[in-house]
Amino acid sequence: MENLKLDTKWDKVFKQSDKVDHSKVAFHNRYGVTLAADLYIPKNASGRLPAIAVSGPFGAVKEQSSGLYAQTLAENGFITLAFDPSFTGESGGEPRYIASPDLNTEDFNAAVDYLSNRKDVDPEKIGILGICGFGGMAINAAAADPRIKATVTSTMYDMSRVNANGYFDAENTAKDRNEKRAAISAQRTKDYAAGSYQRTQGLPDKLTGEEPKFVKDYFDYYKTPRGFHPRSVNSTKGWNTTMPISFINMPLMTYA
């Protein structure tokens, strides 16, 4: 397992709870990537407790909303694990800042592997929570893994539909989809020739006021002190441009 250098100081965008014990842990998935996570345990807990693995949103890190969900659930009696997905945040894997439906689904299954082997977790009471774009990954994981006894998603977009048709179905023609596939493939050729991967344009540093409401909402969280974190793709430069073409056609999420 890769030896990760985990930051032990409290660097979340939310206040630390006095009802929960917090620690940093690491575990690995079956692709050989070591994942970094925050473990939250109710204070004075005893016996085997139900547990929940949490990840998302797409492009976020565990120091943001997934950690807040996890800490709040721990305050209510669950052992929770908020993890950074492969290639993102404090988790390992190269190249950085890419996403894959297969690997990110496996990340949830690997989190269940880890929780199932803890002596303080009831292995018959493990659930997962996928936030925003990772709601689809959670559903994919649960569909194939009977160890997962409960699955919750909290999301506003069907990610496969967005990648296929664009936001609000603005690119919903065969021509648009073919142009998108061609652009992604052309970028792969350029990246290979350059020997490096380009980063996509993330959220702007300033808004003009003409942006759609969803961009303004993203900005209000990821680019302001409310939710900014330097390891978050959404707060900084954006994704690696080699995001797989499979996202365009793979079923990832239903509206929830």
C-alpha atoms as a PDB file:
ATOM      1  CA  MET A   1       0.000   0.000   0.000  1.00  0.00           C
ATOM      2  CA  GLU A   2       1.322   3.436  -0.961  1.00  0.00           C
ATOM      3  CA  ASN A   3       2.668   5.438   1.975  1.00  0.00           C
ATOM      4  CA  LEU A   4       0.523   8.566   1.949  1.00  0.00           C
ATOM      5  CA  LYS A   5       1.513  11.724   3.794  1.00  0.00           C
ATOM      6  CA  LEU A   6      -1.752  12.664   5.487  1.00  0.00           C
ATOM      7  CA  ASP A   7      -2.301  16.089   7.011  1.00  0.00           C
ATOM      8  CA  THR A   8      -3.161  15.512  10.675  1.00  0.00           C
ATOM      9  CA  LYS A   9      -4.323  19.043  11.484  1.00  0.00           C
ATOM     10  CA  TRP A  10      -8.011  19.925  11.316  1.00  0.00           C
ATOM     11  CA  ASP A  11      -8.318  21.591   7.910  1.00  0.00           C
ATOM     12  CA  LYS A  12     -12.010  21.061   7.143  1.00  0.00           C
ATOM     13  CA  VAL A  13     -14.352  23.802   5.963  1.00  0.00           C
ATOM     14  CA  PHE A  14     -16.677  22.997   8.884  1.00  0.00           C
ATOM     15  CA  LYS A  15     -16.261  23.140  12.667  1.00  0.00           C
ATOM     16  CA  GLN A  16     -15.017  20.061  14.496  1.00  0.00           C
ATOM     17  CA  SER A  17     -17.644  18.357  16.644  1.00  0.00           C
ATOM     18  CA  ASP A  18     -17.031  17.694  20.334  1.00  0.00           C
ATOM     19  CA  LYS A  19     -19.339  14.671  20.124  1.00  0.00           C
ATOM     20  CA  VAL A  20     -17.126  12.692  17.759  1.00  0.00           C
ATOM     21  CA  ASP A  21     -13.581  11.290  17.741  1.00  0.00           C
ATOM     22  CA  HIS A  22     -11.742  11.969  14.470  1.00  0.00           C
ATOM     23  CA  SER A  23      -8.687  10.299  12.944  1.00  0.00           C
ATOM     24  CA  LYS A  24      -7.020   9.884   9.558  1.00  0.00           C
ATOM     25  CA  VAL A  25      -6.861   6.412   7.979  1.00  0.00           C
ATOM     26  CA  ALA A  26      -5.822   4.866   4.675  1.00  0.00           C
ATOM     27  CA  PHE A  27      -7.025   1.806   2.784  1.00  0.00           C
ATOM     28  CA  HIS A  28      -6.514   0.422  -0.727  1.00  0.00           C
ATOM     29  CA  ASN A  29      -8.749  -0.566  -3.607  1.00  0.00           C
ATOM     30  CA  ARG A  30      -8.321  -3.500  -5.999  1.00  0.00           C
ATOM     31  CA  TYR A  31      -6.655  -1.312  -8.619  1.00  0.00           C
ATOM     32  CA  GLY A  32      -3.781  -0.768  -6.180  1.00  0.00           C
ATOM     33  CA  VAL A  33      -4.644   2.838  -5.332  1.00  0.00           C
ATOM     34  CA  THR A  34      -4.309   3.870  -1.694  1.00  0.00           C
ATOM     35  CA  LEU A  35      -7.198   6.029  -0.507  1.00  0.00           C
ATOM     36  CA  ALA A  36      -7.097   8.643   2.244  1.00  0.00           C
ATOM     37  CA  ALA A  37     -10.052   9.033   4.571  1.00  0.00           C
ATOM     38  CA  ASP A  38     -11.336  10.729   7.687  1.00  0.00           C
ATOM     39  CA  LEU A  39     -12.794   8.316  10.240  1.00  0.00           C
ATOM     40  CA  TYR A  40     -15.475   9.636  12.602  1.00  0.00           C
ATOM     41  CA  ILE A  41     -16.524   7.619  15.661  1.00  0.00           C
ATOM     42  CA  PRO A  42     -19.126   8.647  18.257  1.00  0.00           C
ATOM     43  CA  LYS A  43     -17.461   9.477  21.572  1.00  0.00           C
ATOM     44  CA  ASN A  44     -17.747   6.775  24.220  1.00  0.00           C
ATOM     45  CA  ALA A  45     -18.869   4.263  21.599  1.00  0.00           C
ATOM     46  CA  SER A  46     -18.868   0.594  22.570  1.00  0.00           C
ATOM     47  CA  GLY A  47     -19.536  -2.654  20.776  1.00  0.00           C
ATOM     48  CA  ARG A  48     -20.014  -3.026  17.047  1.00  0.00           C
ATOM     49  CA  LEU A  49     -21.747  -0.056  15.437  1.00  0.00           C
ATOM     50  CA  PRO A  50     -23.419   0.463  12.058  1.00  0.00           C
ATOM     51  CA  ALA A  51     -21.118   2.212   9.584  1.00  0.00           C
ATOM     52  CA  ILE A  52     -21.438   4.443   6.519  1.00  0.00           C
ATOM     53  CA  ALA A  53     -18.895   5.266   3.793  1.00  0.00           C
ATOM     54  CA  VAL A  54     -19.309   8.725   2.247  1.00  0.00           C
ATOM     55  CA  SER A  55     -17.823  10.373  -0.853  1.00  0.00           C
ATOM     56  CA  GLY A  56     -18.551  13.203  -3.280  1.00  0.00           C
ATOM     57  CA  PRO A  57     -19.445  15.593  -4.717  1.00  0.00           C
ATOM     58  CA  PHE A  58     -17.743  15.195  -8.080  1.00  0.00           C
ATOM     59  CA  GLY A  59     -14.512  17.202  -7.857  1.00  0.00           C
ATOM     60  CA  ALA A  60     -14.737  17.784  -4.098  1.00  0.00           C
ATOM     61  CA  VAL A  61     -12.616  16.441  -1.236  1.00  0.00           C
ATOM     62  CA  LYS A  62     -13.417  14.907   2.138  1.00  0.00           C
ATOM     63  CA  GLU A  63     -12.669  18.193   3.897  1.00  0.00           C
ATOM     64  CA  GLN A  64     -15.785  19.658   2.297  1.00  0.00           C
ATOM     65  CA  SER A  65     -19.397  18.446   2.268  1.00  0.00           C
ATOM     66  CA  SER A  66     -18.739  14.684   2.478  1.00  0.00           C
ATOM     67  CA  GLY A  67     -16.866  15.218   5.725  1.00  0.00           C
ATOM     68  CA  LEU A  68     -19.693  17.328   7.116  1.00  0.00           C
ATOM     69  CA  TYR A  69     -22.215  14.603   6.245  1.00  0.00           C
ATOM     70  CA  ALA A  70     -19.926  11.994   7.833  1.00  0.00           C
ATOM     71  CA  GLN A  71     -19.361  13.951  11.042  1.00  0.00           C
ATOM     72  CA  THR A  72     -23.089  14.674  11.430  1.00  0.00           C
ATOM     73  CA  LEU A  73     -23.949  10.999  10.919  1.00  0.00           C
ATOM     74  CA  ALA A  74     -21.317  10.058  13.524  1.00  0.00           C
ATOM     75  CA  GLU A  75     -22.983  12.441  15.968  1.00  0.00           C
ATOM     76  CA  ASN A  76     -26.072  10.276  15.470  1.00  0.00           C
ATOM     77  CA  GLY A  77     -24.401   6.986  16.334  1.00  0.00           C
ATOM     78  CA  PHE A  78     -22.711   5.743  13.151  1.00  0.00           C
ATOM     79  CA  ILE A  79     -19.053   5.053  12.478  1.00  0.00           C
ATOM     80  CA  THR A  80     -18.422   6.967   9.268  1.00  0.00           C
ATOM     81  CA  LEU A  81     -15.675   7.094   6.675  1.00  0.00           C
ATOM     82  CA  ALA A  82     -15.375  10.138   4.394  1.00  0.00           C
ATOM     83  CA  PHE A  83     -12.840   9.333   1.683  1.00  0.00           C
ATOM     84  CA  ASP A  84     -11.105  11.044  -1.218  1.00  0.00           C
ATOM     85  CA  PRO A  85     -11.613   9.070  -4.451  1.00  0.00           C
ATOM     86  CA  SER A  86      -8.698   7.731  -6.479  1.00  0.00           C
ATOM     87  CA  PHE A  87      -6.316  10.346  -7.961  1.00  0.00           C
ATOM     88  CA  THR A  88      -7.920  13.144  -5.923  1.00  0.00           C
ATOM     89  CA  GLY A  89      -7.217  15.044  -2.704  1.00  0.00           C
ATOM     90  CA  GLU A  90      -4.917  13.156  -0.337  1.00  0.00           C
ATOM     91  CA  SER A  91      -5.564   9.802  -2.017  1.00  0.00           C
ATOM     92  CA  GLY A  92      -2.911   8.214  -4.192  1.00  0.00           C
ATOM     93  CA  GLY A  93      -2.808   7.266  -7.846  1.00  0.00           C
ATOM     94  CA  GLU A  94      -1.394   8.757 -11.030  1.00  0.00           C
ATOM     95  CA  PRO A  95      -2.115  10.727 -13.123  1.00  0.00           C
ATOM     96  CA  ARG A  96      -3.797  13.220 -10.846  1.00  0.00           C
ATOM     97  CA  TYR A  97      -7.239  14.785 -11.155  1.00  0.00           C
ATOM     98  CA  ILE A  98      -8.928  12.220 -13.369  1.00  0.00           C
ATOM     99  CA  ALA A  99     -12.220  10.409 -12.876  1.00  0.00           C
ATOM    100  CA  SER A 100     -13.338   6.938 -13.920  1.00  0.00           C
ATOM    101  CA  PRO A 101     -16.732   5.292 -13.373  1.00  0.00           C
ATOM    102  CA  ASP A 102     -15.036   1.917 -12.829  1.00  0.00           C
ATOM    103  CA  LEU A 103     -12.421   3.102 -10.361  1.00  0.00           C
ATOM    104  CA  ASN A 104     -14.718   5.423  -8.453  1.00  0.00           C
ATOM    105  CA  THR A 105     -17.305   2.654  -8.089  1.00  0.00           C
ATOM    106  CA  GLU A 106     -14.529   0.383  -6.820  1.00  0.00           C
ATOM    107  CA  ASP A 107     -13.545   3.092  -4.312  1.00  0.00           C
ATOM    108  CA  PHE A 108     -16.903   2.620  -2.562  1.00  0.00           C
ATOM    109  CA  ASN A 109     -16.503  -1.173  -2.589  1.00  0.00           C
ATOM    110  CA  ALA A 110     -13.001  -0.778  -1.134  1.00  0.00           C
ATOM    111  CA  ALA A 111     -14.368   1.458   1.625  1.00  0.00           C
ATOM    112  CA  VAL A 112     -16.764  -1.379   2.488  1.00  0.00           C
ATOM    113  CA  ASP A 113     -13.780  -3.790   2.508  1.00  0.00           C
ATOM    114  CA  TYR A 114     -12.091  -1.565   5.073  1.00  0.00           C
ATOM    115  CA  LEU A 115     -15.149  -1.068   7.274  1.00  0.00           C
ATOM    116  CA  SER A 116     -16.026  -4.775   7.185  1.00  0.00           C
ATOM    117  CA  ASN A 117     -12.659  -5.606   8.735  1.00  0.00           C
ATOM    118  CA  ARG A 118     -12.886  -3.162  11.655  1.00  0.00           C
ATOM    119  CA  LYS A 119     -13.663  -4.789  14.990  1.00  0.00           C
ATOM    120  CA  ASP A 120     -15.879  -1.869  16.012  1.00  0.00           C
ATOM    121  CA  VAL A 121     -18.130  -2.161  12.921  1.00  0.00           C
ATOM    122  CA  ASP A 122     -21.106  -4.479  12.522  1.00  0.00           C
ATOM    123  CA  PRO A 123     -20.431  -5.965   9.040  1.00  0.00           C
ATOM    124  CA  GLU A 124     -24.155  -6.640   8.585  1.00  0.00           C
ATOM    125  CA  LYS A 125     -24.967  -2.943   8.997  1.00  0.00           C
ATOM    126  CA  ILE A 126     -22.819  -1.092   6.456  1.00  0.00           C
ATOM    127  CA  GLY A 127     -24.266   1.572   4.180  1.00  0.00           C
ATOM    128  CA  ILE A 128     -22.912   4.103   1.685  1.00  0.00           C
ATOM    129  CA  LEU A 129     -23.751   7.710   0.852  1.00  0.00           C
ATOM    130  CA  GLY A 130     -22.908   9.250  -2.521  1.00  0.00           C
ATOM    131  CA  ILE A 131     -23.165  13.016  -2.796  1.00  0.00           C
ATOM    132  CA  CYS A 132     -23.890  14.855  -6.051  1.00  0.00           C
ATOM    133  CA  GLY A 133     -21.948  13.251  -8.937  1.00  0.00           C
ATOM    134  CA  PHE A 134     -20.856  10.375  -6.701  1.00  0.00           C
ATOM    135  CA  GLY A 135     -24.459   9.330  -6.171  1.00  0.00           C
ATOM    136  CA  GLY A 136     -24.158   7.335  -9.381  1.00  0.00           C
ATOM    137  CA  MET A 137     -20.956   5.652  -8.218  1.00  0.00           C
ATOM    138  CA  ALA A 138     -22.702   4.661  -4.984  1.00  0.00           C
ATOM    139  CA  ILE A 139     -25.625   3.111  -6.867  1.00  0.00           C
ATOM    140  CA  ASN A 140     -23.207   1.235  -9.157  1.00  0.00           C
ATOM    141  CA  ALA A 141     -21.357  -0.127  -6.112  1.00  0.00           C
ATOM    142  CA  ALA A 142     -24.500  -1.185  -4.279  1.00  0.00           C
ATOM    143  CA  ALA A 143     -25.936  -2.931  -7.345  1.00  0.00           C
ATOM    144  CA  ALA A 144     -23.095  -5.470  -7.302  1.00  0.00           C
ATOM    145  CA  ASP A 145     -22.215  -5.666  -3.587  1.00  0.00           C
ATOM    146  CA  PRO A 146     -24.709  -7.334  -1.208  1.00  0.00           C
ATOM    147  CA  ARG A 147     -22.598  -6.304   1.781  1.00  0.00           C
ATOM    148  CA  ILE A 148     -24.027  -2.817   1.304  1.00  0.00           C
ATOM    149  CA  LYS A 149     -27.292  -2.875   3.257  1.00  0.00           C
ATOM    150  CA  ALA A 150     -28.403   0.720   2.632  1.00  0.00           C
ATOM    151  CA  THR A 151     -27.621   3.249  -0.099  1.00  0.00           C
ATOM    152  CA  VAL A 152     -28.438   6.958  -0.073  1.00  0.00           C
ATOM    153  CA  THR A 153     -27.768   9.547  -2.755  1.00  0.00           C
ATOM    154  CA  SER A 154     -27.985  13.314  -2.414  1.00  0.00           C
ATOM    155  CA  THR A 155     -27.659  14.777  -5.889  1.00  0.00           C
ATOM    156  CA  MET A 156     -29.132  17.362  -8.229  1.00  0.00           C
ATOM    157  CA  TYR A 157     -27.858  16.094 -11.587  1.00  0.00           C
ATOM    158  CA  ASP A 158     -27.987  12.864 -13.561  1.00  0.00           C
ATOM    159  CA  MET A 159     -24.268  12.836 -14.390  1.00  0.00           C
ATOM    160  CA  SER A 160     -24.502  10.471 -17.356  1.00  0.00           C
ATOM    161  CA  ARG A 161     -27.230  12.664 -18.854  1.00  0.00           C
ATOM    162  CA  VAL A 162     -25.173  15.829 -18.285  1.00  0.00           C
ATOM    163  CA  ASN A 163     -22.117  14.283 -19.942  1.00  0.00           C
ATOM    164  CA  ALA A 164     -24.177  12.994 -22.859  1.00  0.00           C
ATOM    165  CA  ASN A 165     -26.537  15.930 -23.410  1.00  0.00           C
ATOM    166  CA  GLY A 166     -24.906  18.877 -21.635  1.00  0.00           C
ATOM    167  CA  TYR A 167     -26.399  20.914 -18.797  1.00  0.00           C
ATOM    168  CA  PHE A 168     -30.143  21.367 -19.292  1.00  0.00           C
ATOM    169  CA  ASP A 169     -29.871  19.149 -22.416  1.00  0.00           C
ATOM    170  CA  ALA A 170     -28.200  22.018 -24.267  1.00  0.00           C
ATOM    171  CA  GLU A 171     -26.077  19.593 -26.342  1.00  0.00           C
ATOM    172  CA  ASN A 172     -28.764  16.990 -26.965  1.00  0.00           C
ATOM    173  CA  THR A 173     -28.110  16.025 -30.577  1.00  0.00           C
ATOM    174  CA  ALA A 174     -26.063  13.318 -32.251  1.00  0.00           C
ATOM    175  CA  LYS A 175     -23.914  16.062 -33.788  1.00  0.00           C
ATOM    176  CA  ASP A 176     -23.165  17.586 -30.361  1.00  0.00           C
ATOM    177  CA  ARG A 177     -22.269  14.208 -28.855  1.00  0.00           C
ATOM    178  CA  ASN A 178     -20.041  13.261 -31.774  1.00  0.00           C
ATOM    179  CA  GLU A 179     -18.242  16.612 -31.555  1.00  0.00           C
ATOM    180  CA  LYS A 180     -17.702  16.084 -27.812  1.00  0.00           C
ATOM    181  CA  ARG A 181     -16.230  12.614 -28.355  1.00  0.00           C
ATOM    182  CA  ALA A 182     -14.014  13.950 -31.128  1.00  0.00           C
ATOM    183  CA  ALA A 183     -12.768  16.816 -28.948  1.00  0.00           C
ATOM    184  CA  ILE A 184     -11.917  14.479 -26.053  1.00  0.00           C
ATOM    185  CA  SER A 185     -10.112  12.076 -28.367  1.00  0.00           C
ATOM    186  CA  ALA A 186      -8.181  14.910 -30.056  1.00  0.00           C
ATOM    187  CA  GLN A 187      -7.080  16.172 -26.646  1.00  0.00           C
ATOM    188  CA  ARG A 188      -5.725  12.710 -25.804  1.00  0.00           C
ATOM    189  CA  THR A 189      -3.560  12.866 -28.936  1.00  0.00           C
ATOM    190  CA  LYS A 190      -2.241  16.297 -27.949  1.00  0.00           C
ATOM    191  CA  ASP A 191      -1.577  15.227 -24.367  1.00  0.00           C
ATOM    192  CA  TYR A 192       0.360  12.154 -25.470  1.00  0.00           C
ATOM    193  CA  ALA A 193       2.503  14.219 -27.827  1.00  0.00           C
ATOM    194  CA  ALA A 194       3.163  16.793 -25.093  1.00  0.00           C
ATOM    195  CA  GLY A 195       4.017  14.122 -22.532  1.00  0.00           C
ATOM    196  CA  SER A 196       1.650  15.674 -19.987  1.00  0.00           C
ATOM    197  CA  TYR A 197      -2.041  16.118 -19.292  1.00  0.00           C
ATOM    198  CA  GLN A 198      -3.840  19.428 -19.495  1.00  0.00           C
ATOM    199  CA  ARG A 199      -6.237  20.629 -16.803  1.00  0.00           C
ATOM    200  CA  THR A 200      -9.723  21.754 -17.729  1.00  0.00           C
ATOM    201  CA  GLN A 201     -10.952  25.225 -16.902  1.00  0.00           C
ATOM    202  CA  GLY A 202     -12.648  25.035 -13.526  1.00  0.00           C
ATOM    203  CA  LEU A 203     -14.815  27.669 -11.919  1.00  0.00           C
ATOM    204  CA  PRO A 204     -13.739  31.245 -12.738  1.00  0.00           C
ATOM    205  CA  ASP A 205     -12.060  33.305 -10.038  1.00  0.00           C
ATOM    206  CA  LYS A 206     -14.682  36.005 -10.507  1.00  0.00           C
ATOM    207  CA  LEU A 207     -18.258  36.042 -11.754  1.00  0.00           C
ATOM    208  CA  THR A 208     -19.686  38.497 -14.259  1.00  0.00           C
ATOM    209  CA  GLY A 209     -23.242  38.073 -12.989  1.00  0.00           C
ATOM    210  CA  GLU A 210     -24.414  36.577 -16.279  1.00  0.00           C
ATOM    211  CA  GLU A 211     -23.672  32.963 -15.332  1.00  0.00           C
ATOM    212  CA  PRO A 212     -26.439  30.354 -14.874  1.00  0.00           C
ATOM    213  CA  LYS A 213     -27.704  29.943 -11.330  1.00  0.00           C
ATOM    214  CA  PHE A 214     -26.019  26.567 -10.863  1.00  0.00           C
ATOM    215  CA  VAL A 215     -22.602  28.144 -11.623  1.00  0.00           C
ATOM    216  CA  LYS A 216     -23.310  30.887  -9.092  1.00  0.00           C
ATOM    217  CA  ASP A 217     -24.274  28.251  -6.521  1.00  0.00           C
ATOM    218  CA  TYR A 218     -21.064  26.302  -7.184  1.00  0.00           C
ATOM    219  CA  PHE A 219     -19.019  29.473  -6.887  1.00  0.00           C
ATOM    220  CA  ASP A 220     -20.718  30.454  -3.618  1.00  0.00           C
ATOM    221  CA  TYR A 221     -19.467  27.226  -2.055  1.00  0.00           C
ATOM    222  CA  TYR A 222     -16.253  26.164  -3.731  1.00  0.00           C
ATOM    223  CA  LYS A 223     -14.652  29.569  -4.394  1.00  0.00           C
ATOM    224  CA  THR A 224     -15.515  31.378  -1.163  1.00  0.00           C
ATOM    225  CA  PRO A 225     -14.398  30.835   2.461  1.00  0.00           C
ATOM    226  CA  ARG A 226     -17.627  28.903   2.992  1.00  0.00           C
ATOM    227  CA  GLY A 227     -16.273  25.859   1.158  1.00  0.00           C
ATOM    228  CA  PHE A 228     -12.917  26.595  -0.512  1.00  0.00           C
ATOM    229  CA  HIS A 229     -10.222  23.968  -0.016  1.00  0.00           C
ATOM    230  CA  PRO A 230      -6.847  23.957  -1.806  1.00  0.00           C
ATOM    231  CA  ARG A 231      -7.005  20.213  -2.567  1.00  0.00           C
ATOM    232  CA  SER A 232     -10.451  20.433  -4.160  1.00  0.00           C
ATOM    233  CA  VAL A 233     -10.617  20.233  -7.957  1.00  0.00           C
ATOM    234  CA  ASN A 234     -13.761  22.376  -7.819  1.00  0.00           C
ATOM    235  CA  SER A 235     -11.971  25.091  -5.851  1.00  0.00           C
ATOM    236  CA  THR A 236      -8.827  25.189  -7.980  1.00  0.00           C
ATOM    237  CA  LYS A 237      -7.960  24.429 -11.617  1.00  0.00           C
ATOM    238  CA  GLY A 238     -10.403  21.757 -12.731  1.00  0.00           C
ATOM    239  CA  TRP A 239     -10.114  18.173 -13.937  1.00  0.00           C
ATOM    240  CA  ASN A 240      -7.486  16.526 -16.060  1.00  0.00           C
ATOM    241  CA  THR A 241      -8.771  16.627 -19.643  1.00  0.00           C
ATOM    242  CA  THR A 242      -8.457  12.858 -20.059  1.00  0.00           C
ATOM    243  CA  MET A 243     -11.765  12.174 -18.321  1.00  0.00           C
ATOM    244  CA  PRO A 244     -12.895   8.925 -19.953  1.00  0.00           C
ATOM    245  CA  ILE A 245     -15.233   8.992 -22.928  1.00  0.00           C
ATOM    246  CA  SER A 246     -17.147   6.192 -21.198  1.00  0.00           C
ATOM    247  CA  PHE A 247     -18.767   8.835 -19.006  1.00  0.00           C
ATOM    248  CA  ILE A 248     -20.758   9.970 -22.040  1.00  0.00           C
ATOM    249  CA  ASN A 249     -22.624   6.693 -22.442  1.00  0.00           C
ATOM    250  CA  MET A 250     -22.353   4.898 -19.101  1.00  0.00           C
ATOM    251  CA  PRO A 251     -25.490   4.898 -16.899  1.00  0.00           C
ATOM    252  CA  LEU A 252     -24.437   6.559 -13.649  1.00  0.00           C
ATOM    253  CA  MET A 253     -27.407   8.171 -11.988  1.00  0.00           C
ATOM    254  CA  THR A 254     -31.138   8.559 -11.971  1.00  0.00           C
ATOM    255  CA  TYR A 255     -32.745  11.747 -10.732  1.00  0.00           C
ATOM    256  CA  ALA A 256     -33.127  11.773  -6.972  1.00  0.00           C
END
